[in-house]
Amino acid sequence: TNFGVQLFLDKFCDMGTKPMGRSAIMKEDGPKKKKKSKETSETIDEEEAELIQPDFEEFSGFIFKTQANLDPKHRDRLAYVRVVSGTYKKCMKV
């Protein structure tokens, strides 16, 4: 039976922290462009980070772990993604 489950989930969601935005760098495919600053010898990325809010319509995610060759008989790859915004749909190309 599901007695009390909905009450528990509602209270748990109220007590938990709200989703927060995450900074991301939008870049096109291809090599990353860098330029040298004249004042210092550091390299600076041309892209600027922007904050993606959880209510952003488009799907975005943060890959926090990758694994490869889990089974020596197969060439497999696996990526763990934390959803930042939007909704993932079946067969979606990310």
N, C-alpha and C. Protein backbone atom coordinates (compact mmCIF):
# COMPACT_ATOMS: atom_id res chain seq x y z
N THR A 1 0.83 -1.18 0.00
CA THR A 1 0.00 0.00 0.00
C THR A 1 0.88 1.25 0.00
N ASN A 2 0.31 2.34 -0.43
CA ASN A 2 1.05 3.60 -0.51
C ASN A 2 0.64 4.57 0.60
N PHE A 3 0.25 4.05 1.74
CA PHE A 3 -0.22 4.89 2.83
C PHE A 3 0.90 5.81 3.32
N GLY A 4 0.71 7.13 3.20
CA GLY A 4 1.67 8.09 3.71
C GLY A 4 2.82 8.43 2.77
N VAL A 5 2.93 7.75 1.65
CA VAL A 5 4.05 8.00 0.74
C VAL A 5 3.97 9.39 0.13
N GLN A 6 2.79 9.79 -0.33
CA GLN A 6 2.63 11.11 -0.94
C GLN A 6 2.89 12.22 0.08
N LEU A 7 2.42 12.03 1.31
CA LEU A 7 2.69 13.03 2.37
C LEU A 7 4.20 13.15 2.62
N PHE A 8 4.87 12.02 2.67
CA PHE A 8 6.32 12.03 2.88
C PHE A 8 7.03 12.74 1.73
N LEU A 9 6.68 12.42 0.48
CA LEU A 9 7.33 13.04 -0.66
C LEU A 9 7.09 14.54 -0.71
N ASP A 10 5.87 14.98 -0.39
CA ASP A 10 5.57 16.41 -0.36
C ASP A 10 6.43 17.12 0.69
N LYS A 11 6.52 16.57 1.89
CA LYS A 11 7.31 17.18 2.95
C LYS A 11 8.80 17.16 2.60
N PHE A 12 9.26 16.07 2.01
CA PHE A 12 10.66 15.94 1.61
C PHE A 12 11.03 17.00 0.58
N CYS A 13 10.15 17.24 -0.39
CA CYS A 13 10.41 18.26 -1.41
C CYS A 13 10.39 19.66 -0.82
N ASP A 14 9.52 19.90 0.16
CA ASP A 14 9.48 21.21 0.83
C ASP A 14 10.75 21.47 1.63
N MET A 15 11.29 20.44 2.27
CA MET A 15 12.48 20.59 3.12
C MET A 15 13.77 20.69 2.32
N GLY A 16 13.80 20.11 1.16
CA GLY A 16 15.03 20.08 0.36
C GLY A 16 15.36 21.43 -0.26
N THR A 17 16.58 21.54 -0.76
CA THR A 17 16.99 22.78 -1.42
C THR A 17 16.37 22.86 -2.81
N LYS A 18 16.11 24.05 -3.25
CA LYS A 18 15.55 24.27 -4.57
C LYS A 18 16.65 24.13 -5.62
N PRO A 19 16.30 23.75 -6.84
CA PRO A 19 17.31 23.65 -7.90
C PRO A 19 17.98 25.00 -8.13
N MET A 20 19.29 24.97 -8.36
CA MET A 20 20.05 26.18 -8.59
C MET A 20 20.56 26.21 -10.02
N GLY A 21 20.86 27.40 -10.50
CA GLY A 21 21.43 27.54 -11.82
C GLY A 21 22.86 27.02 -11.85
N ARG A 22 23.36 26.76 -13.04
CA ARG A 22 24.73 26.26 -13.20
C ARG A 22 25.39 27.03 -14.32
N SER A 23 26.63 27.44 -14.10
CA SER A 23 27.33 28.18 -15.15
C SER A 23 27.80 27.22 -16.23
N ALA A 24 27.75 27.68 -17.46
CA ALA A 24 28.14 26.85 -18.60
C ALA A 24 28.79 27.72 -19.66
N ILE A 25 29.66 27.10 -20.42
CA ILE A 25 30.32 27.78 -21.53
C ILE A 25 29.75 27.19 -22.81
N MET A 26 29.12 28.03 -23.60
CA MET A 26 28.57 27.60 -24.88
C MET A 26 29.66 27.69 -25.92
N LYS A 27 29.92 26.59 -26.60
CA LYS A 27 30.94 26.63 -27.65
C LYS A 27 30.49 25.79 -28.83
N GLU A 28 31.01 26.13 -29.98
CA GLU A 28 30.71 25.39 -31.19
C GLU A 28 31.68 24.23 -31.31
N ASP A 29 31.36 23.29 -32.19
CA ASP A 29 32.28 22.18 -32.44
C ASP A 29 33.57 22.71 -33.04
N GLY A 30 34.64 22.07 -32.73
CA GLY A 30 35.93 22.49 -33.26
C GLY A 30 36.88 22.85 -32.14
N PRO A 31 38.09 23.23 -32.51
CA PRO A 31 39.08 23.53 -31.48
C PRO A 31 38.72 24.77 -30.69
N LYS A 32 39.11 24.76 -29.43
CA LYS A 32 38.85 25.89 -28.55
C LYS A 32 39.81 27.02 -28.89
N LYS A 33 39.28 28.22 -29.02
CA LYS A 33 40.12 29.37 -29.34
C LYS A 33 40.56 30.06 -28.07
N LYS A 34 41.82 30.35 -27.97
CA LYS A 34 42.36 31.06 -26.82
C LYS A 34 43.20 32.22 -27.32
N LYS A 35 43.27 33.24 -26.50
CA LYS A 35 44.13 34.36 -26.86
C LYS A 35 44.92 34.78 -25.63
N LYS A 36 46.07 35.35 -25.87
CA LYS A 36 46.93 35.79 -24.78
C LYS A 36 46.58 37.21 -24.38
N SER A 37 46.56 37.44 -23.10
CA SER A 37 46.31 38.78 -22.59
C SER A 37 47.62 39.57 -22.64
N LYS A 38 47.55 40.83 -23.02
CA LYS A 38 48.76 41.65 -23.12
C LYS A 38 49.29 42.02 -21.74
N GLU A 39 48.38 42.19 -20.75
CA GLU A 39 48.82 42.59 -19.41
C GLU A 39 49.52 41.44 -18.69
N THR A 40 49.02 40.23 -18.85
CA THR A 40 49.61 39.06 -18.20
C THR A 40 49.91 38.00 -19.25
N SER A 41 50.63 37.00 -18.86
CA SER A 41 50.97 35.94 -19.81
C SER A 41 49.97 34.79 -19.77
N GLU A 42 48.84 34.98 -19.08
CA GLU A 42 47.83 33.94 -18.99
C GLU A 42 47.02 33.84 -20.28
N THR A 43 46.52 32.64 -20.57
CA THR A 43 45.62 32.49 -21.71
C THR A 43 44.20 32.63 -21.20
N ILE A 44 43.35 33.27 -21.98
CA ILE A 44 41.97 33.53 -21.59
C ILE A 44 41.05 32.95 -22.65
N ASP A 45 40.00 32.24 -22.22
CA ASP A 45 39.02 31.68 -23.14
C ASP A 45 38.21 32.81 -23.75
N GLU A 46 37.91 32.70 -25.06
CA GLU A 46 37.09 33.72 -25.71
C GLU A 46 35.63 33.60 -25.29
N GLU A 47 35.18 32.35 -25.05
CA GLU A 47 33.79 32.17 -24.64
C GLU A 47 33.63 32.67 -23.21
N GLU A 48 32.44 33.16 -22.91
CA GLU A 48 32.15 33.59 -21.55
C GLU A 48 31.10 32.68 -20.96
N ALA A 49 31.22 32.41 -19.67
CA ALA A 49 30.27 31.53 -18.99
C ALA A 49 28.96 32.26 -18.78
N GLU A 50 27.87 31.52 -18.95
CA GLU A 50 26.56 32.08 -18.66
C GLU A 50 25.85 31.15 -17.69
N LEU A 51 24.93 31.69 -16.93
CA LEU A 51 24.21 30.94 -15.93
C LEU A 51 22.95 30.35 -16.55
N ILE A 52 22.81 29.03 -16.47
CA ILE A 52 21.62 28.34 -16.99
C ILE A 52 20.72 28.05 -15.81
N GLN A 53 19.52 28.60 -15.84
CA GLN A 53 18.55 28.42 -14.76
C GLN A 53 17.80 27.10 -14.96
N PRO A 54 17.29 26.48 -13.88
CA PRO A 54 16.57 25.21 -14.00
C PRO A 54 15.28 25.32 -14.81
N ASP A 55 14.71 26.52 -14.94
CA ASP A 55 13.47 26.65 -15.70
C ASP A 55 13.71 26.96 -17.17
N PHE A 56 14.95 26.88 -17.63
CA PHE A 56 15.29 27.07 -19.04
C PHE A 56 14.65 25.93 -19.83
N GLU A 57 13.96 26.25 -20.94
CA GLU A 57 13.19 25.26 -21.69
C GLU A 57 14.05 24.19 -22.35
N GLU A 58 15.18 24.56 -22.91
CA GLU A 58 16.03 23.64 -23.67
C GLU A 58 16.76 22.68 -22.74
N PHE A 59 16.92 21.43 -23.18
CA PHE A 59 17.61 20.44 -22.35
C PHE A 59 19.10 20.77 -22.26
N SER A 60 19.62 20.73 -21.06
CA SER A 60 21.06 20.86 -20.85
C SER A 60 21.44 19.99 -19.66
N GLY A 61 22.65 19.50 -19.68
CA GLY A 61 23.11 18.63 -18.61
C GLY A 61 24.59 18.80 -18.36
N PHE A 62 25.04 18.31 -17.21
CA PHE A 62 26.43 18.39 -16.79
C PHE A 62 26.97 16.96 -16.69
N ILE A 63 27.95 16.64 -17.53
CA ILE A 63 28.55 15.30 -17.49
C ILE A 63 29.59 15.30 -16.38
N PHE A 64 29.36 14.47 -15.37
CA PHE A 64 30.26 14.46 -14.23
C PHE A 64 31.13 13.22 -14.14
N LYS A 65 30.90 12.24 -14.98
CA LYS A 65 31.73 11.04 -14.96
C LYS A 65 31.60 10.32 -16.29
N THR A 66 32.71 9.84 -16.81
CA THR A 66 32.69 9.01 -18.02
C THR A 66 33.44 7.72 -17.75
N GLN A 67 32.99 6.66 -18.35
CA GLN A 67 33.66 5.37 -18.23
C GLN A 67 33.72 4.73 -19.61
N ALA A 68 34.79 3.99 -19.84
CA ALA A 68 34.94 3.30 -21.12
C ALA A 68 35.49 1.90 -20.86
N ASN A 69 35.22 1.02 -21.80
CA ASN A 69 35.73 -0.36 -21.76
C ASN A 69 35.33 -1.08 -20.48
N LEU A 70 34.05 -1.02 -20.15
CA LEU A 70 33.56 -1.74 -18.98
C LEU A 70 33.60 -3.25 -19.20
N ASP A 71 33.35 -3.65 -20.43
CA ASP A 71 33.41 -5.06 -20.80
C ASP A 71 34.49 -5.22 -21.86
N PRO A 72 35.53 -6.00 -21.61
CA PRO A 72 36.62 -6.13 -22.59
C PRO A 72 36.19 -6.68 -23.94
N LYS A 73 35.03 -7.36 -24.01
CA LYS A 73 34.56 -7.94 -25.27
C LYS A 73 33.86 -6.91 -26.14
N HIS A 74 33.53 -5.73 -25.58
CA HIS A 74 32.79 -4.71 -26.32
C HIS A 74 33.50 -3.37 -26.22
N ARG A 75 33.26 -2.51 -27.20
CA ARG A 75 33.77 -1.14 -27.16
C ARG A 75 32.64 -0.25 -26.66
N ASP A 76 32.50 -0.18 -25.36
CA ASP A 76 31.39 0.56 -24.80
C ASP A 76 31.87 1.83 -24.11
N ARG A 77 30.99 2.81 -24.08
CA ARG A 77 31.24 4.07 -23.38
C ARG A 77 29.99 4.45 -22.62
N LEU A 78 30.18 5.04 -21.46
CA LEU A 78 29.06 5.42 -20.62
C LEU A 78 29.34 6.79 -20.02
N ALA A 79 28.36 7.66 -20.06
CA ALA A 79 28.51 9.00 -19.47
C ALA A 79 27.36 9.23 -18.50
N TYR A 80 27.70 9.71 -17.31
CA TYR A 80 26.70 10.06 -16.30
C TYR A 80 26.41 11.54 -16.41
N VAL A 81 25.13 11.88 -16.54
CA VAL A 81 24.73 13.27 -16.77
C VAL A 81 23.78 13.71 -15.66
N ARG A 82 24.05 14.89 -15.13
CA ARG A 82 23.12 15.53 -14.20
C ARG A 82 22.31 16.54 -15.00
N VAL A 83 21.00 16.38 -15.00
CA VAL A 83 20.14 17.28 -15.78
C VAL A 83 20.12 18.64 -15.09
N VAL A 84 20.42 19.69 -15.87
CA VAL A 84 20.43 21.04 -15.35
C VAL A 84 19.11 21.74 -15.68
N SER A 85 18.63 21.57 -16.91
CA SER A 85 17.37 22.19 -17.30
C SER A 85 16.71 21.37 -18.40
N GLY A 86 15.43 21.61 -18.59
CA GLY A 86 14.70 20.95 -19.65
C GLY A 86 14.32 19.52 -19.30
N THR A 87 13.90 18.79 -20.32
CA THR A 87 13.45 17.42 -20.14
C THR A 87 14.13 16.54 -21.18
N TYR A 88 14.67 15.41 -20.74
CA TYR A 88 15.26 14.45 -21.67
C TYR A 88 14.15 13.55 -22.19
N LYS A 89 14.13 13.34 -23.48
CA LYS A 89 13.14 12.46 -24.10
C LYS A 89 13.86 11.30 -24.75
N LYS A 90 13.19 10.18 -24.82
CA LYS A 90 13.73 8.96 -25.38
C LYS A 90 14.26 9.20 -26.80
N CYS A 91 15.43 8.66 -27.11
CA CYS A 91 16.10 8.75 -28.42
C CYS A 91 16.54 10.18 -28.77
N MET A 92 16.66 11.04 -27.80
CA MET A 92 17.09 12.41 -28.03
C MET A 92 18.60 12.44 -28.26
N LYS A 93 19.06 13.16 -29.26
CA LYS A 93 20.49 13.32 -29.51
C LYS A 93 20.98 14.54 -28.76
N VAL A 94 21.94 14.31 -27.90
CA VAL A 94 22.46 15.39 -27.06
C VAL A 94 23.85 15.77 -27.52
